[in-house]
Amino acid sequence: MIEVYYTKNEFVHRKAEILIGRKLGKGFEIKRNENGKPYVSGNPVYFSISHSAGRAMIALSDKPVGIDLEFYRPRKFEHILKRLSARELKWIDGNFIYFFLGWVSKEAYVKMKGGTLAQYLKRLEYFEYSLYCDGEKYEDTAVLADFAAGIYAPCAEGSIDHTTKRFKLRKREKLSRRL
C-alpha cells in the first residue's frame, strides 16, 4: 500500500521526515543514492517527494516507490517531444494533457527505480494510458488527474493501491527542527 500525502511545498523534506518518524520512531538516517534519490538507511520504509507550483506530494511505502506531480500551466515542451517515440507522438497529437499523463508516469517510475531520466527516457514510452519499459507494459503505476489541480502518479513495485491524505501536524510535531 502506498500512502500519499499532499501539502504545500514549504518544509516538504521536514514533513517527509515527520511521516517517516511516525512509522519508525526516532533514530533513522536519510541518505542519498548515487543519483541523489533519498532513502532511509537500513529500514524498510521507502519514500518519494514531488513538488510543482507551490504544492507537494510525499509517497511512503514498504516497497520502492516514486511519485510525480505536475500542475497545468502553459509551457513549451517541444524540446521534450523530440525525445519521444513515434507511438507517443501519435497518441499525444498536440494534446498537452496526454503529454503530462506520460510525463508524470515516467518520472514516478524513474524515481521508484532510483535512476535518472537520462538513464530511462529512451527506454520508457507512455501511450493509450499505459507505461512501457523496454517494450514491456508496466502495470504498477497509476495516473490520477485532478483538472483543478494537476496530474500525479504514484508508482511502486508490485502495487498501485494507495490512499491520498492531506498532511497535518500532530501535537508536539514541529516543522522547525529535525528528528
Foldseek 3Di string as FASTA:
>chain_A
DKEKAKEFPPLVVLLLLVVVCVVVPDDWDWDAPPLGQIAIPPDQKEKEKEDEDRMIMMMIDSFQKFKYWYWDDDDDDVVVVVLADPQLCVQCVVPVQSVQLQVQQVRGVCSSVSHDCVVFVNQWHDHPRFIGGVRHTDDFKHWDADNVTTIMMMGGPPHNDYDYYYRDDDPPRDSPDHD
